C-alpha atoms as a PDB file:
ATOM      1  CA  MET A   1     142.893  90.931  78.269  1.00  0.00           C
ATOM      2  CA  THR A   2     141.575  94.668  79.547  1.00  0.00           C
ATOM      3  CA  ARG A   3     139.563  95.667  82.222  1.00  0.00           C
ATOM      4  CA  VAL A   4     135.710  95.301  81.635  1.00  0.00           C
ATOM      5  CA  LYS A   5     134.096  98.238  84.149  1.00  0.00           C
ATOM      6  CA  ARG A   6     130.128  96.648  84.571  1.00  0.00           C
ATOM      7  CA  GLY A   7     129.044 100.080  85.585  1.00  0.00           C
ATOM      8  CA  TYR A   8     126.190  99.613  88.147  1.00  0.00           C
ATOM      9  CA  ALA A   9     124.077  97.669  86.219  1.00  0.00           C
ATOM     10  CA  ALA A  10     124.269  94.568  88.908  1.00  0.00           C
ATOM     11  CA  ARG A  11     123.983  97.298  91.413  1.00  0.00           C
ATOM     12  CA  ARG A  12     120.836  98.606  90.008  1.00  0.00           C
ATOM     13  CA  ARG A  13     119.443  94.930  89.728  1.00  0.00           C
ATOM     14  CA  ARG A  14     120.121  94.411  93.059  1.00  0.00           C
ATOM     15  CA  LYS A  15     118.833  97.125  94.531  1.00  0.00           C
ATOM     16  CA  LYS A  16     115.397  96.780  92.874  1.00  0.00           C
ATOM     17  CA  ILE A  17     115.145  93.194  93.960  1.00  0.00           C
ATOM     18  CA  CYS A  18     115.948  94.790  97.635  1.00  0.00           C
ATOM     19  CA  LEU A  19     112.934  97.619  97.012  1.00  0.00           C
ATOM     20  CA  PHE A  20     110.261  95.031  96.385  1.00  0.00           C
ATOM     21  CA  ALA A  21     111.710  92.821  99.635  1.00  0.00           C
ATOM     22  CA  SER A  22     112.149  95.731 101.604  1.00  0.00           C
ATOM     23  CA  THR A  23     109.130  94.557 104.259  1.00  0.00           C
ATOM     24  CA  PHE A  24     110.517  90.785 104.147  1.00  0.00           C
ATOM     25  CA  ILE A  25     111.966  89.187 107.303  1.00  0.00           C
ATOM     26  CA  GLY A  26     115.458  88.851 108.676  1.00  0.00           C
ATOM     27  CA  ALA A  27     118.153  87.501 105.536  1.00  0.00           C
ATOM     28  CA  HIS A  28     115.255  87.696 103.392  1.00  0.00           C
ATOM     29  CA  SER A  29     115.675  91.249 102.697  1.00  0.00           C
ATOM     30  CA  ARG A  30     119.238  91.507 103.380  1.00  0.00           C
ATOM     31  CA  LEU A  31     120.902  88.864 101.253  1.00  0.00           C
ATOM     32  CA  THR A  32     120.695  88.960  97.444  1.00  0.00           C
ATOM     33  CA  ARG A  33     120.087  85.615  96.637  1.00  0.00           C
ATOM     34  CA  THR A  34     117.785  84.419  99.575  1.00  0.00           C
ATOM     35  CA  THR A  35     115.855  88.070  98.296  1.00  0.00           C
ATOM     36  CA  THR A  36     115.715  86.941  94.815  1.00  0.00           C
ATOM     37  CA  GLN A  37     113.850  83.486  95.636  1.00  0.00           C
ATOM     38  CA  GLN A  38     111.556  85.035  98.451  1.00  0.00           C
ATOM     39  CA  ARG A  39     110.510  87.551  95.562  1.00  0.00           C
ATOM     40  CA  MET A  40     109.651  84.046  92.923  1.00  0.00           C
ATOM     41  CA  ARG A  41     108.401  82.733  95.983  1.00  0.00           C
ATOM     42  CA  ALA A  42     106.212  85.608  96.653  1.00  0.00           C
ATOM     43  CA  LEU A  43     105.345  86.227  93.297  1.00  0.00           C
ATOM     44  CA  VAL A  44     104.673  82.867  92.632  1.00  0.00           C
ATOM     45  CA  SER A  45     102.379  82.894  95.445  1.00  0.00           C
ATOM     46  CA  SER A  46     100.223  85.897  94.989  1.00  0.00           C
ATOM     47  CA  HIS A  47      99.183  84.443  91.272  1.00  0.00           C
ATOM     48  CA  ARG A  48      98.072  81.682  92.850  1.00  0.00           C
ATOM     49  CA  ASP A  49      96.090  83.380  95.151  1.00  0.00           C
ATOM     50  CA  ARG A  50      94.188  85.741  93.009  1.00  0.00           C
ATOM     51  CA  ASN A  51      92.771  82.753  91.435  1.00  0.00           C
ATOM     52  CA  LYS A  52      91.758  81.270  94.908  1.00  0.00           C
ATOM     53  CA  LYS A  53      90.233  84.434  96.155  1.00  0.00           C
ATOM     54  CA  LYS A  54      87.429  84.312  93.776  1.00  0.00           C
ATOM     55  CA  ARG A  55      87.270  80.697  94.445  1.00  0.00           C
ATOM     56  CA  ASP A  56      86.805  81.605  98.136  1.00  0.00           C
ATOM     57  CA  PHE A  57      83.975  84.740  97.224  1.00  0.00           C
ATOM     58  CA  ARG A  58      82.192  82.075  95.208  1.00  0.00           C
ATOM     59  CA  ARG A  59      81.820  79.756  98.054  1.00  0.00           C
ATOM     60  CA  LEU A  60      81.139  82.011 100.711  1.00  0.00           C
ATOM     61  CA  TRP A  61      78.440  83.579  98.460  1.00  0.00           C
ATOM     62  CA  ILE A  62      77.073  79.790  97.635  1.00  0.00           C
ATOM     63  CA  THR A  63      77.315  78.917 101.157  1.00  0.00           C
ATOM     64  CA  ARG A  64      74.944  82.140 102.523  1.00  0.00           C
ATOM     65  CA  ILE A  65      72.145  81.522  99.932  1.00  0.00           C
ATOM     66  CA  ASN A  66      72.247  78.236 101.192  1.00  0.00           C
ATOM     67  CA  ALA A  67      71.788  79.253 104.432  1.00  0.00           C
ATOM     68  CA  VAL A  68      69.121  81.838 104.152  1.00  0.00           C
ATOM     69  CA  THR A  69      67.288  79.212 101.793  1.00  0.00           C
ATOM     70  CA  ARG A  70      66.886  76.842 103.856  1.00  0.00           C
ATOM     71  CA  GLU A  71      65.986  78.816 106.491  1.00  0.00           C
ATOM     72  CA  ASP A  72      62.854  80.497 104.493  1.00  0.00           C
ATOM     73  CA  LYS A  73      62.221  76.738 104.201  1.00  0.00           C
ATOM     74  CA  VAL A  74      61.143  77.249 100.838  1.00  0.00           C
ATOM     75  CA  PHE A  75      62.919  75.075  99.065  1.00  0.00           C
ATOM     76  CA  SER A  76      65.023  72.024 100.811  1.00  0.00           C
ATOM     77  CA  SER A  77      68.460  73.342  99.658  1.00  0.00           C
ATOM     78  CA  TYR A  78      70.929  75.433  97.749  1.00  0.00           C
ATOM     79  CA  SER A  79      70.959  73.874  94.370  1.00  0.00           C
ATOM     80  CA  GLN A  80      66.992  73.483  93.664  1.00  0.00           C
ATOM     81  CA  PHE A  81      66.509  77.047  94.373  1.00  0.00           C
ATOM     82  CA  ILE A  82      69.385  78.180  91.712  1.00  0.00           C
ATOM     83  CA  HIS A  83      68.366  75.448  89.519  1.00  0.00           C
ATOM     84  CA  ASN A  84      64.813  76.518  89.493  1.00  0.00           C
ATOM     85  CA  LEU A  85      66.273  80.309  89.203  1.00  0.00           C
ATOM     86  CA  TYR A  86      67.304  79.304  85.778  1.00  0.00           C
ATOM     87  CA  LYS A  87      64.221  77.626  84.983  1.00  0.00           C
ATOM     88  CA  SER A  88      63.079  80.786  85.457  1.00  0.00           C
ATOM     89  CA  LYS A  89      65.169  83.179  83.222  1.00  0.00           C
ATOM     90  CA  LEU A  90      65.869  85.375  86.513  1.00  0.00           C
ATOM     91  CA  LEU A  91      69.672  86.556  85.960  1.00  0.00           C
ATOM     92  CA  LEU A  92      71.226  87.344  89.100  1.00  0.00           C
ATOM     93  CA  ASN A  93      74.493  85.962  89.925  1.00  0.00           C
ATOM     94  CA  ARG A  94      75.292  84.689  93.298  1.00  0.00           C
ATOM     95  CA  LYS A  95      77.067  87.648  94.678  1.00  0.00           C
ATOM     96  CA  ILE A  96      74.113  89.893  94.717  1.00  0.00           C
ATOM     97  CA  LEU A  97      71.888  87.123  95.703  1.00  0.00           C
ATOM     98  CA  ALA A  98      74.140  86.544  98.464  1.00  0.00           C
ATOM     99  CA  GLN A  99      74.106  90.361  99.277  1.00  0.00           C
ATOM    100  CA  ILE A 100      70.078  90.345  98.282  1.00  0.00           C
ATOM    101  CA  ALA A 101      70.076  87.525 100.986  1.00  0.00           C
ATOM    102  CA  LEU A 102      71.804  89.264 104.042  1.00  0.00           C
ATOM    103  CA  SER A 103      70.796  93.328 103.675  1.00  0.00           C
ATOM    104  CA  ASN A 104      66.815  92.637 102.368  1.00  0.00           C
ATOM    105  CA  ASN A 105      65.402  89.341 103.599  1.00  0.00           C
ATOM    106  CA  ASN A 106      61.791  90.104 102.259  1.00  0.00           C
ATOM    107  CA  PHE A 107      63.673  91.221  98.788  1.00  0.00           C
ATOM    108  CA  PHE A 108      65.140  87.541  98.887  1.00  0.00           C
ATOM    109  CA  ASP A 109      61.370  86.110  99.671  1.00  0.00           C
ATOM    110  CA  MET A 110      60.212  88.522  97.193  1.00  0.00           C
ATOM    111  CA  ILE A 111      62.418  85.970  94.293  1.00  0.00           C
ATOM    112  CA  SER A 112      61.799  82.953  95.912  1.00  0.00           C
ATOM    113  CA  ASN A 113      58.443  83.505  95.660  1.00  0.00           C
ATOM    114  CA  LYS A 114      58.394  84.140  92.342  1.00  0.00           C
ATOM    115  CA  ILE A 115      60.249  81.220  91.112  1.00  0.00           C
ATOM    116  CA  ILE A 116      57.703  78.797  92.740  1.00  0.00           C
ATOM    117  CA  ASN A 117      54.973  80.921  91.440  1.00  0.00           C
ATOM    118  CA  GLN A 118      56.607  80.429  87.831  1.00  0.00           C
ATOM    119  CA  LYS A 119      57.536  76.569  88.193  1.00  0.00           C
END
């Protein structure tokens, strides 16, 4: 049988993996097999956490809105506030409401008063 020279394909593949894992610690950045395993694990984690990040921010916004609505004692809870918000057809998402609640409390009071008047 003749000798097959594979060229640099394998080295190129390994180098690409090593560049991805250059910030990993110890054997995870040096050994090819552990590097590939860590790379797969990192990609799985990043995919999972992109969706988790959206969930976490939504929870944060809901917590902030709930705190402000209970503080004003206009509504007893966040759920009543959101329910009345949708009933009065004010289309504001939770992110914007949380920003308004933190930065401009007077404007948030105006929104809640408008909701009460439209009941």
